[in-house]
């Protein structure tokens, strides 16, 4: 058990598990979009995300001193390892994007720039400093938009195919789901954000209000999904979002009562992965989730 615990903290503290998120979310929405994406695409977005989060560890040092434990840390801000890791992941992701053409390279560069702006101090012409991460609501919406619109649009850019009619709906549901998770993280990071002067929804409005907003966003995502399912817009496998909404509401009530939410926040990601795995299993039983393209079998 001690070995497993150490391994878990190495994965969590170095954000290694976050690199799986874009892969899992893309596979989840592939049940509706059905795009012929090769394995190299998933490797590219995983490496791209990991490099971005390691850069985020450097820009967020002030609050992370309180928000993240040192246990299991290998890639520390200022260390050679994190610089080597960022460079290696970025170069491999760039090479994989380049194989798809300069259009994908430009899209990835834009995504990187927008992601970098999230944590940077920006000096305005007036002389005041502005940081997206320090503005309540904006920080959550900005991150949720990158994780929804960026993630959903990327496959279309990669494959050079036109957008289909499901894209706006998928982006909307993704936005609400990610906003929910971002707000969970704000509750987890309450102490560190307050110490670092980062103003978030729980800090500006209080934990009780943040808890209410979590329930409202969770319900909104569920209602949009149900309306789409009843209307026959989404495949039946997305009914998994209904029990997920019920479970998430229970998790919120458990989560807000915890004194230390660090481990619970990571466990929620694992829970989300299980939900996606179940949905993919249901989809596989109802119809083959694999598409054969000219270049061979793809996911």
C-alpha atoms as a PDB file:
ATOM      1  CA  UNK A   1       0.000   0.000   0.000  1.00  0.00           C
ATOM      2  CA  UNK A   2       2.882   2.384   0.794  1.00  0.00           C
ATOM      3  CA  UNK A   3       4.359   1.822  -2.674  1.00  0.00           C
ATOM      4  CA  UNK A   4       0.987   2.516  -4.313  1.00  0.00           C
ATOM      5  CA  UNK A   5       0.547   5.633  -2.176  1.00  0.00           C
ATOM      6  CA  UNK A   6       3.971   6.964  -3.203  1.00  0.00           C
ATOM      7  CA  UNK A   7       3.253   6.231  -6.859  1.00  0.00           C
ATOM      8  CA  UNK A   8      -0.099   8.015  -6.601  1.00  0.00           C
ATOM      9  CA  UNK A   9       1.499  11.144  -5.135  1.00  0.00           C
ATOM     10  CA  UNK A  10       4.205  11.149  -7.826  1.00  0.00           C
ATOM     11  CA  UNK A  11       1.455  11.067 -10.475  1.00  0.00           C
ATOM     12  CA  UNK A  12      -0.744  13.668  -8.772  1.00  0.00           C
ATOM     13  CA  UNK A  13       1.978  16.101  -7.618  1.00  0.00           C
ATOM     14  CA  UNK A  14       3.651  16.195 -11.037  1.00  0.00           C
ATOM     15  CA  UNK A  15       0.310  16.556 -12.899  1.00  0.00           C
ATOM     16  CA  UNK A  16       1.010  13.393 -14.925  1.00  0.00           C
ATOM     17  CA  UNK A  17      -2.632  12.313 -14.725  1.00  0.00           C
ATOM     18  CA  UNK A  18      -3.803  15.603 -16.275  1.00  0.00           C
ATOM     19  CA  UNK A  19      -2.210  14.613 -19.591  1.00  0.00           C
ATOM     20  CA  UNK A  20      -4.828  11.849 -19.898  1.00  0.00           C
ATOM     21  CA  UNK A  21      -7.731  14.316 -19.605  1.00  0.00           C
ATOM     22  CA  UNK A  22      -7.776  15.591 -23.208  1.00  0.00           C
ATOM     23  CA  UNK A  23      -7.504  12.018 -24.464  1.00  0.00           C
ATOM     24  CA  UNK A  24     -10.404  10.841 -22.299  1.00  0.00           C
ATOM     25  CA  UNK A  25     -12.596  13.841 -23.157  1.00  0.00           C
ATOM     26  CA  UNK A  26     -11.869  13.544 -26.886  1.00  0.00           C
ATOM     27  CA  UNK A  27     -12.750   9.840 -26.834  1.00  0.00           C
ATOM     28  CA  UNK A  28     -15.936  10.681 -24.933  1.00  0.00           C
ATOM     29  CA  UNK A  29     -17.115  13.194 -27.540  1.00  0.00           C
ATOM     30  CA  UNK A  30     -15.984  10.947 -30.369  1.00  0.00           C
ATOM     31  CA  UNK A  31     -19.085   8.868 -29.631  1.00  0.00           C
ATOM     32  CA  UNK A  32     -21.039  11.727 -31.236  1.00  0.00           C
ATOM     33  CA  UNK A  33     -18.542  13.330 -33.614  1.00  0.00           C
ATOM     34  CA  UNK A  34     -17.106  10.093 -35.109  1.00  0.00           C
ATOM     35  CA  UNK A  35     -13.938  11.597 -36.555  1.00  0.00           C
ATOM     36  CA  UNK A  36     -11.143   9.314 -37.880  1.00  0.00           C
ATOM     37  CA  UNK A  37      -8.410  10.345 -35.452  1.00  0.00           C
ATOM     38  CA  UNK A  38      -5.148   8.344 -35.437  1.00  0.00           C
ATOM     39  CA  UNK A  39      -3.331   7.306 -32.258  1.00  0.00           C
ATOM     40  CA  UNK A  40      -0.652   9.947 -32.920  1.00  0.00           C
ATOM     41  CA  UNK A  41      -3.291  12.664 -32.425  1.00  0.00           C
ATOM     42  CA  UNK A  42      -4.000  11.482 -28.875  1.00  0.00           C
ATOM     43  CA  UNK A  43      -0.278  11.327 -28.083  1.00  0.00           C
ATOM     44  CA  UNK A  44       0.088  14.882 -29.403  1.00  0.00           C
ATOM     45  CA  UNK A  45      -2.685  16.393 -27.257  1.00  0.00           C
ATOM     46  CA  UNK A  46      -1.505  14.485 -24.162  1.00  0.00           C
ATOM     47  CA  UNK A  47       2.052  15.846 -24.510  1.00  0.00           C
ATOM     48  CA  UNK A  48       0.750  19.310 -25.359  1.00  0.00           C
ATOM     49  CA  UNK A  49      -1.364  19.353 -22.178  1.00  0.00           C
ATOM     50  CA  UNK A  50       1.434  18.030 -19.962  1.00  0.00           C
ATOM     51  CA  UNK A  51       3.846  20.713 -21.188  1.00  0.00           C
ATOM     52  CA  UNK A  52       1.183  23.371 -20.599  1.00  0.00           C
ATOM     53  CA  UNK A  53       0.546  22.240 -17.027  1.00  0.00           C
ATOM     54  CA  UNK A  54       4.255  22.186 -16.230  1.00  0.00           C
ATOM     55  CA  UNK A  55       4.497  25.775 -17.497  1.00  0.00           C
ATOM     56  CA  UNK A  56       1.486  26.528 -15.287  1.00  0.00           C
ATOM     57  CA  UNK A  57       3.405  25.112 -12.303  1.00  0.00           C
ATOM     58  CA  UNK A  58       6.100  27.736 -12.954  1.00  0.00           C
ATOM     59  CA  UNK A  59       3.689  30.680 -13.311  1.00  0.00           C
ATOM     60  CA  UNK A  60       1.638  29.610 -10.260  1.00  0.00           C
ATOM     61  CA  UNK A  61       4.483  29.124  -7.776  1.00  0.00           C
ATOM     62  CA  UNK A  62       3.122  31.642  -5.257  1.00  0.00           C
ATOM     63  CA  UNK A  63      -0.199  29.875  -4.681  1.00  0.00           C
ATOM     64  CA  UNK A  64       1.104  26.340  -5.285  1.00  0.00           C
ATOM     65  CA  UNK A  65       3.347  26.634  -2.234  1.00  0.00           C
ATOM     66  CA  UNK A  66       0.127  26.263  -0.240  1.00  0.00           C
ATOM     67  CA  UNK A  67      -2.117  24.451  -2.731  1.00  0.00           C
ATOM     68  CA  UNK A  68       0.069  21.495  -3.658  1.00  0.00           C
ATOM     69  CA  UNK A  69       2.039  19.206  -1.336  1.00  0.00           C
ATOM     70  CA  UNK A  70       5.741  18.589  -1.956  1.00  0.00           C
ATOM     71  CA  UNK A  71       5.194  14.859  -1.554  1.00  0.00           C
ATOM     72  CA  UNK A  72       6.248  13.004  -4.695  1.00  0.00           C
ATOM     73  CA  UNK A  73       7.430  16.114  -6.566  1.00  0.00           C
ATOM     74  CA  UNK A  74      10.011  15.448  -9.300  1.00  0.00           C
ATOM     75  CA  UNK A  75       9.222  18.313 -11.669  1.00  0.00           C
ATOM     76  CA  UNK A  76       9.684  21.363  -9.443  1.00  0.00           C
ATOM     77  CA  UNK A  77       9.472  24.968 -10.659  1.00  0.00           C
ATOM     78  CA  UNK A  78      13.013  26.202 -11.309  1.00  0.00           C
ATOM     79  CA  UNK A  79      14.476  22.695 -11.604  1.00  0.00           C
ATOM     80  CA  UNK A  80      16.248  21.368 -14.695  1.00  0.00           C
ATOM     81  CA  UNK A  81      13.845  18.424 -14.874  1.00  0.00           C
ATOM     82  CA  UNK A  82      10.759  20.533 -15.466  1.00  0.00           C
ATOM     83  CA  UNK A  83      12.533  22.564 -18.169  1.00  0.00           C
ATOM     84  CA  UNK A  84      13.724  19.406 -19.914  1.00  0.00           C
ATOM     85  CA  UNK A  85      10.216  17.920 -19.608  1.00  0.00           C
ATOM     86  CA  UNK A  86       8.532  21.001 -21.088  1.00  0.00           C
ATOM     87  CA  UNK A  87      11.035  21.121 -23.965  1.00  0.00           C
ATOM     88  CA  UNK A  88      10.754  17.386 -24.739  1.00  0.00           C
ATOM     89  CA  UNK A  89       6.944  17.313 -24.652  1.00  0.00           C
ATOM     90  CA  UNK A  90       6.684  20.514 -26.710  1.00  0.00           C
ATOM     91  CA  UNK A  91       9.111  19.329 -29.395  1.00  0.00           C
ATOM     92  CA  UNK A  92       7.414  15.948 -29.833  1.00  0.00           C
ATOM     93  CA  UNK A  93       3.946  17.563 -29.871  1.00  0.00           C
ATOM     94  CA  UNK A  94       5.203  20.129 -32.413  1.00  0.00           C
ATOM     95  CA  UNK A  95       6.577  17.368 -34.657  1.00  0.00           C
ATOM     96  CA  UNK A  96       3.290  15.454 -34.507  1.00  0.00           C
ATOM     97  CA  UNK A  97       1.336  18.635 -35.282  1.00  0.00           C
ATOM     98  CA  UNK A  98       3.680  19.459 -38.149  1.00  0.00           C
ATOM     99  CA  UNK A  99       2.885  16.107 -39.747  1.00  0.00           C
ATOM    100  CA  UNK A 100      -0.731  17.276 -39.968  1.00  0.00           C
ATOM    101  CA  UNK A 101       0.302  20.571 -41.587  1.00  0.00           C
ATOM    102  CA  UNK A 102       1.022  24.168 -40.603  1.00  0.00           C
ATOM    103  CA  UNK A 103      -2.666  24.770 -39.959  1.00  0.00           C
ATOM    104  CA  UNK A 104      -2.459  22.463 -36.922  1.00  0.00           C
ATOM    105  CA  UNK A 105       0.838  24.030 -35.845  1.00  0.00           C
ATOM    106  CA  UNK A 106      -0.723  27.500 -35.871  1.00  0.00           C
ATOM    107  CA  UNK A 107      -3.770  26.235 -33.956  1.00  0.00           C
ATOM    108  CA  UNK A 108      -1.494  24.646 -31.341  1.00  0.00           C
ATOM    109  CA  UNK A 109       0.600  27.814 -31.081  1.00  0.00           C
ATOM    110  CA  UNK A 110      -2.539  29.904 -30.535  1.00  0.00           C
ATOM    111  CA  UNK A 111      -3.762  27.439 -27.897  1.00  0.00           C
ATOM    112  CA  UNK A 112      -0.385  27.631 -26.126  1.00  0.00           C
ATOM    113  CA  UNK A 113      -0.423  31.429 -26.125  1.00  0.00           C
ATOM    114  CA  UNK A 114      -3.977  31.566 -24.762  1.00  0.00           C
ATOM    115  CA  UNK A 115      -3.114  28.990 -22.104  1.00  0.00           C
ATOM    116  CA  UNK A 116       0.012  30.916 -21.096  1.00  0.00           C
ATOM    117  CA  UNK A 117      -2.008  34.137 -20.699  1.00  0.00           C
ATOM    118  CA  UNK A 118      -4.130  32.429 -18.036  1.00  0.00           C
ATOM    119  CA  UNK A 119      -1.437  32.584 -15.365  1.00  0.00           C
ATOM    120  CA  UNK A 120       0.774  35.485 -16.503  1.00  0.00           C
ATOM    121  CA  UNK A 121       0.822  38.974 -15.043  1.00  0.00           C
ATOM    122  CA  UNK A 122      -0.159  41.325 -17.893  1.00  0.00           C
ATOM    123  CA  UNK A 123       0.807  44.989 -17.601  1.00  0.00           C
ATOM    124  CA  UNK A 124      -1.926  47.245 -18.994  1.00  0.00           C
ATOM    125  CA  UNK A 125      -1.207  50.602 -20.729  1.00  0.00           C
ATOM    126  CA  UNK A 126      -2.443  52.327 -17.557  1.00  0.00           C
ATOM    127  CA  UNK A 127       0.367  50.670 -15.598  1.00  0.00           C
ATOM    128  CA  UNK A 128      -1.946  48.340 -13.672  1.00  0.00           C
ATOM    129  CA  UNK A 129      -1.218  44.629 -13.663  1.00  0.00           C
ATOM    130  CA  UNK A 130      -3.904  42.204 -14.759  1.00  0.00           C
ATOM    131  CA  UNK A 131      -4.003  38.442 -14.359  1.00  0.00           C
ATOM    132  CA  UNK A 132      -6.837  36.352 -15.777  1.00  0.00           C
ATOM    133  CA  UNK A 133      -6.422  33.781 -13.023  1.00  0.00           C
ATOM    134  CA  UNK A 134      -7.073  36.454 -10.396  1.00  0.00           C
ATOM    135  CA  UNK A 135     -10.470  37.541 -11.741  1.00  0.00           C
ATOM    136  CA  UNK A 136     -13.480  35.574 -10.368  1.00  0.00           C
ATOM    137  CA  UNK A 137     -15.758  34.078 -13.015  1.00  0.00           C
ATOM    138  CA  UNK A 138     -13.396  35.098 -15.818  1.00  0.00           C
ATOM    139  CA  UNK A 139     -10.737  32.593 -14.740  1.00  0.00           C
ATOM    140  CA  UNK A 140     -13.292  29.762 -14.641  1.00  0.00           C
ATOM    141  CA  UNK A 141     -14.937  30.733 -17.935  1.00  0.00           C
ATOM    142  CA  UNK A 142     -11.569  31.252 -19.668  1.00  0.00           C
ATOM    143  CA  UNK A 143     -10.232  27.852 -18.634  1.00  0.00           C
ATOM    144  CA  UNK A 144     -13.537  26.129 -19.400  1.00  0.00           C
ATOM    145  CA  UNK A 145     -13.597  27.700 -22.871  1.00  0.00           C
ATOM    146  CA  UNK A 146     -10.078  26.496 -23.654  1.00  0.00           C
ATOM    147  CA  UNK A 147     -10.896  22.990 -22.442  1.00  0.00           C
ATOM    148  CA  UNK A 148     -14.168  22.877 -24.398  1.00  0.00           C
ATOM    149  CA  UNK A 149     -13.876  24.921 -27.598  1.00  0.00           C
ATOM    150  CA  UNK A 150     -10.144  24.257 -27.963  1.00  0.00           C
ATOM    151  CA  UNK A 151     -10.500  20.535 -27.422  1.00  0.00           C
ATOM    152  CA  UNK A 152     -13.527  20.094 -29.693  1.00  0.00           C
ATOM    153  CA  UNK A 153     -12.274  22.267 -32.560  1.00  0.00           C
ATOM    154  CA  UNK A 154      -8.760  20.771 -32.642  1.00  0.00           C
ATOM    155  CA  UNK A 155      -9.729  17.460 -34.370  1.00  0.00           C
ATOM    156  CA  UNK A 156     -11.456  19.348 -37.185  1.00  0.00           C
ATOM    157  CA  UNK A 157      -8.359  21.491 -37.713  1.00  0.00           C
ATOM    158  CA  UNK A 158      -6.145  18.395 -37.573  1.00  0.00           C
ATOM    159  CA  UNK A 159      -8.209  16.494 -40.153  1.00  0.00           C
ATOM    160  CA  UNK A 160      -8.976  19.596 -42.272  1.00  0.00           C
ATOM    161  CA  UNK A 161     -12.697  18.792 -42.298  1.00  0.00           C
ATOM    162  CA  UNK A 162     -15.647  21.224 -41.901  1.00  0.00           C
ATOM    163  CA  UNK A 163     -17.417  21.558 -38.562  1.00  0.00           C
ATOM    164  CA  UNK A 164     -20.636  19.593 -38.154  1.00  0.00           C
ATOM    165  CA  UNK A 165     -23.894  20.662 -36.521  1.00  0.00           C
ATOM    166  CA  UNK A 166     -23.101  18.984 -33.190  1.00  0.00           C
ATOM    167  CA  UNK A 167     -20.067  21.142 -32.451  1.00  0.00           C
ATOM    168  CA  UNK A 168     -21.869  24.069 -30.684  1.00  0.00           C
ATOM    169  CA  UNK A 169     -23.859  21.658 -28.494  1.00  0.00           C
ATOM    170  CA  UNK A 170     -20.803  19.587 -27.554  1.00  0.00           C
ATOM    171  CA  UNK A 171     -18.852  22.749 -26.709  1.00  0.00           C
ATOM    172  CA  UNK A 172     -21.711  24.025 -24.510  1.00  0.00           C
ATOM    173  CA  UNK A 173     -21.992  20.812 -22.481  1.00  0.00           C
ATOM    174  CA  UNK A 174     -18.197  20.532 -22.209  1.00  0.00           C
ATOM    175  CA  UNK A 175     -17.985  24.147 -21.056  1.00  0.00           C
ATOM    176  CA  UNK A 176     -20.464  23.540 -18.228  1.00  0.00           C
ATOM    177  CA  UNK A 177     -18.772  20.304 -17.127  1.00  0.00           C
ATOM    178  CA  UNK A 178     -15.319  21.912 -17.083  1.00  0.00           C
ATOM    179  CA  UNK A 179     -16.611  25.040 -15.308  1.00  0.00           C
ATOM    180  CA  UNK A 180     -17.923  22.675 -12.612  1.00  0.00           C
ATOM    181  CA  UNK A 181     -14.495  21.061 -12.187  1.00  0.00           C
ATOM    182  CA  UNK A 182     -12.691  24.427 -12.200  1.00  0.00           C
ATOM    183  CA  UNK A 183     -14.915  25.635  -9.368  1.00  0.00           C
ATOM    184  CA  UNK A 184     -14.226  22.430  -7.423  1.00  0.00           C
ATOM    185  CA  UNK A 185     -10.522  23.227  -7.765  1.00  0.00           C
ATOM    186  CA  UNK A 186     -11.121  26.770  -6.487  1.00  0.00           C
ATOM    187  CA  UNK A 187     -12.646  25.323  -3.320  1.00  0.00           C
ATOM    188  CA  UNK A 188      -9.667  23.016  -2.956  1.00  0.00           C
ATOM    189  CA  UNK A 189      -7.168  25.882  -3.414  1.00  0.00           C
ATOM    190  CA  UNK A 190      -8.976  28.340  -1.153  1.00  0.00           C
ATOM    191  CA  UNK A 191      -6.182  28.755   1.387  1.00  0.00           C
ATOM    192  CA  UNK A 192      -3.341  29.075  -1.120  1.00  0.00           C
ATOM    193  CA  UNK A 193      -5.242  31.439  -3.411  1.00  0.00           C
ATOM    194  CA  UNK A 194      -6.092  33.713  -0.477  1.00  0.00           C
ATOM    195  CA  UNK A 195      -2.454  33.758   0.681  1.00  0.00           C
ATOM    196  CA  UNK A 196      -1.234  34.533  -2.871  1.00  0.00           C
ATOM    197  CA  UNK A 197      -3.833  37.256  -3.432  1.00  0.00           C
ATOM    198  CA  UNK A 198      -5.728  35.296  -6.098  1.00  0.00           C
ATOM    199  CA  UNK A 199      -9.423  36.208  -5.957  1.00  0.00           C
ATOM    200  CA  UNK A 200     -11.772  33.352  -6.862  1.00  0.00           C
ATOM    201  CA  UNK A 201     -15.522  32.740  -6.598  1.00  0.00           C
ATOM    202  CA  UNK A 202     -15.270  31.006  -3.166  1.00  0.00           C
ATOM    203  CA  UNK A 203     -13.105  33.854  -1.863  1.00  0.00           C
ATOM    204  CA  UNK A 204     -15.269  36.696  -3.218  1.00  0.00           C
ATOM    205  CA  UNK A 205     -18.708  35.137  -2.628  1.00  0.00           C
ATOM    206  CA  UNK A 206     -18.052  32.545   0.061  1.00  0.00           C
ATOM    207  CA  UNK A 207     -18.015  28.748   0.141  1.00  0.00           C
ATOM    208  CA  UNK A 208     -21.789  28.412   0.546  1.00  0.00           C
ATOM    209  CA  UNK A 209     -22.442  30.413  -2.624  1.00  0.00           C
ATOM    210  CA  UNK A 210     -19.759  28.470  -4.485  1.00  0.00           C
ATOM    211  CA  UNK A 211     -21.455  25.249  -3.412  1.00  0.00           C
ATOM    212  CA  UNK A 212     -24.806  26.531  -4.758  1.00  0.00           C
ATOM    213  CA  UNK A 213     -23.188  27.532  -8.065  1.00  0.00           C
ATOM    214  CA  UNK A 214     -21.677  24.047  -8.355  1.00  0.00           C
ATOM    215  CA  UNK A 215     -25.140  22.489  -8.042  1.00  0.00           C
ATOM    216  CA  UNK A 216     -26.624  24.933 -10.573  1.00  0.00           C
ATOM    217  CA  UNK A 217     -23.890  24.345 -13.170  1.00  0.00           C
ATOM    218  CA  UNK A 218     -24.149  20.586 -12.647  1.00  0.00           C
ATOM    219  CA  UNK A 219     -27.938  20.732 -13.143  1.00  0.00           C
ATOM    220  CA  UNK A 220     -27.589  22.953 -16.232  1.00  0.00           C
ATOM    221  CA  UNK A 221     -25.193  20.503 -17.907  1.00  0.00           C
ATOM    222  CA  UNK A 222     -27.578  17.638 -17.148  1.00  0.00           C
ATOM    223  CA  UNK A 223     -30.639  19.513 -18.485  1.00  0.00           C
ATOM    224  CA  UNK A 224     -28.903  20.435 -21.756  1.00  0.00           C
ATOM    225  CA  UNK A 225     -27.773  16.825 -22.193  1.00  0.00           C
ATOM    226  CA  UNK A 226     -31.257  15.414 -21.462  1.00  0.00           C
ATOM    227  CA  UNK A 227     -32.910  17.851 -23.877  1.00  0.00           C
ATOM    228  CA  UNK A 228     -30.432  16.785 -26.570  1.00  0.00           C
ATOM    229  CA  UNK A 229     -30.986  13.102 -25.856  1.00  0.00           C
ATOM    230  CA  UNK A 230     -34.778  13.401 -25.897  1.00  0.00           C
ATOM    231  CA  UNK A 231     -34.513  15.309 -29.167  1.00  0.00           C
ATOM    232  CA  UNK A 232     -32.385  12.527 -30.645  1.00  0.00           C
ATOM    233  CA  UNK A 233     -29.410  14.843 -31.203  1.00  0.00           C
ATOM    234  CA  UNK A 234     -26.955  12.869 -29.056  1.00  0.00           C
ATOM    235  CA  UNK A 235     -26.415   9.078 -29.114  1.00  0.00           C
ATOM    236  CA  UNK A 236     -28.047   7.064 -26.259  1.00  0.00           C
ATOM    237  CA  UNK A 237     -24.650   6.377 -24.631  1.00  0.00           C
ATOM    238  CA  UNK A 238     -24.706   9.985 -23.347  1.00  0.00           C
ATOM    239  CA  UNK A 239     -27.493   9.090 -20.925  1.00  0.00           C
ATOM    240  CA  UNK A 240     -24.517   8.362 -18.629  1.00  0.00           C
ATOM    241  CA  UNK A 241     -24.517  12.129 -17.961  1.00  0.00           C
ATOM    242  CA  UNK A 242     -27.735  11.796 -15.930  1.00  0.00           C
ATOM    243  CA  UNK A 243     -26.451   9.395 -13.222  1.00  0.00           C
ATOM    244  CA  UNK A 244     -23.178  11.338 -13.377  1.00  0.00           C
ATOM    245  CA  UNK A 245     -25.056  14.536 -12.470  1.00  0.00           C
ATOM    246  CA  UNK A 246     -26.721  12.787  -9.517  1.00  0.00           C
ATOM    247  CA  UNK A 247     -23.395  11.370  -8.333  1.00  0.00           C
ATOM    248  CA  UNK A 248     -21.678  14.754  -8.793  1.00  0.00           C
ATOM    249  CA  UNK A 249     -24.276  16.472  -6.610  1.00  0.00           C
ATOM    250  CA  UNK A 250     -23.594  13.925  -3.851  1.00  0.00           C
ATOM    251  CA  UNK A 251     -19.838  14.363  -4.313  1.00  0.00           C
ATOM    252  CA  UNK A 252     -20.183  18.141  -3.927  1.00  0.00           C
ATOM    253  CA  UNK A 253     -21.891  17.712  -0.539  1.00  0.00           C
ATOM    254  CA  UNK A 254     -19.131  15.337   0.601  1.00  0.00           C
ATOM    255  CA  UNK A 255     -16.368  17.494  -0.881  1.00  0.00           C
ATOM    256  CA  UNK A 256     -17.373  20.789   0.794  1.00  0.00           C
ATOM    257  CA  UNK A 257     -17.287  19.102   4.212  1.00  0.00           C
ATOM    258  CA  UNK A 258     -13.667  17.997   3.834  1.00  0.00           C
ATOM    259  CA  UNK A 259     -10.887  19.960   5.525  1.00  0.00           C
ATOM    260  CA  UNK A 260      -8.245  18.759   3.057  1.00  0.00           C
ATOM    261  CA  UNK A 261      -9.640  18.508  -0.485  1.00  0.00           C
ATOM    262  CA  UNK A 262      -6.347  17.835  -2.257  1.00  0.00           C
ATOM    263  CA  UNK A 263      -6.644  14.052  -2.649  1.00  0.00           C
ATOM    264  CA  UNK A 264     -10.426  14.243  -3.183  1.00  0.00           C
ATOM    265  CA  UNK A 265      -9.954  16.570  -6.170  1.00  0.00           C
ATOM    266  CA  UNK A 266      -7.663  14.053  -7.872  1.00  0.00           C
ATOM    267  CA  UNK A 267     -10.001  11.185  -7.042  1.00  0.00           C
ATOM    268  CA  UNK A 268     -12.797  13.099  -8.754  1.00  0.00           C
ATOM    269  CA  UNK A 269     -10.773  13.040 -11.973  1.00  0.00           C
ATOM    270  CA  UNK A 270     -10.383   9.273 -11.613  1.00  0.00           C
ATOM    271  CA  UNK A 271     -14.129   9.031 -11.064  1.00  0.00           C
ATOM    272  CA  UNK A 272     -14.681  11.060 -14.240  1.00  0.00           C
ATOM    273  CA  UNK A 273     -12.396   8.673 -16.097  1.00  0.00           C
ATOM    274  CA  UNK A 274     -14.521   5.732 -14.917  1.00  0.00           C
ATOM    275  CA  UNK A 275     -17.694   7.468 -16.165  1.00  0.00           C
ATOM    276  CA  UNK A 276     -16.091   7.972 -19.580  1.00  0.00           C
ATOM    277  CA  UNK A 277     -14.897   4.363 -19.668  1.00  0.00           C
ATOM    278  CA  UNK A 278     -18.423   3.113 -18.900  1.00  0.00           C
ATOM    279  CA  UNK A 279     -19.888   5.355 -21.622  1.00  0.00           C
ATOM    280  CA  UNK A 280     -17.333   4.077 -24.154  1.00  0.00           C
ATOM    281  CA  UNK A 281     -18.172   0.508 -23.153  1.00  0.00           C
ATOM    282  CA  UNK A 282     -21.880   1.150 -23.696  1.00  0.00           C
ATOM    283  CA  UNK A 283     -21.111   2.756 -27.039  1.00  0.00           C
ATOM    284  CA  UNK A 284     -18.991  -0.212 -28.093  1.00  0.00           C
ATOM    285  CA  UNK A 285     -21.815  -2.629 -27.302  1.00  0.00           C
ATOM    286  CA  UNK A 286     -24.317  -0.581 -29.312  1.00  0.00           C
ATOM    287  CA  UNK A 287     -22.075   0.209 -32.291  1.00  0.00           C
ATOM    288  CA  UNK A 288     -18.417  -0.147 -33.197  1.00  0.00           C
ATOM    289  CA  UNK A 289     -16.420   2.845 -31.913  1.00  0.00           C
ATOM    290  CA  UNK A 290     -13.679   2.247 -34.445  1.00  0.00           C
ATOM    291  CA  UNK A 291     -13.441   3.864 -37.864  1.00  0.00           C
ATOM    292  CA  UNK A 292     -11.236   2.577 -40.640  1.00  0.00           C
ATOM    293  CA  UNK A 293      -9.539   5.333 -42.591  1.00  0.00           C
ATOM    294  CA  UNK A 294      -7.205   5.131 -45.579  1.00  0.00           C
ATOM    295  CA  UNK A 295      -4.225   5.065 -43.241  1.00  0.00           C
ATOM    296  CA  UNK A 296      -5.550   2.149 -41.208  1.00  0.00           C
ATOM    297  CA  UNK A 297      -7.455   1.513 -37.986  1.00  0.00           C
ATOM    298  CA  UNK A 298      -8.071   4.636 -35.918  1.00  0.00           C
ATOM    299  CA  UNK A 299      -9.726   5.422 -32.618  1.00  0.00           C
END
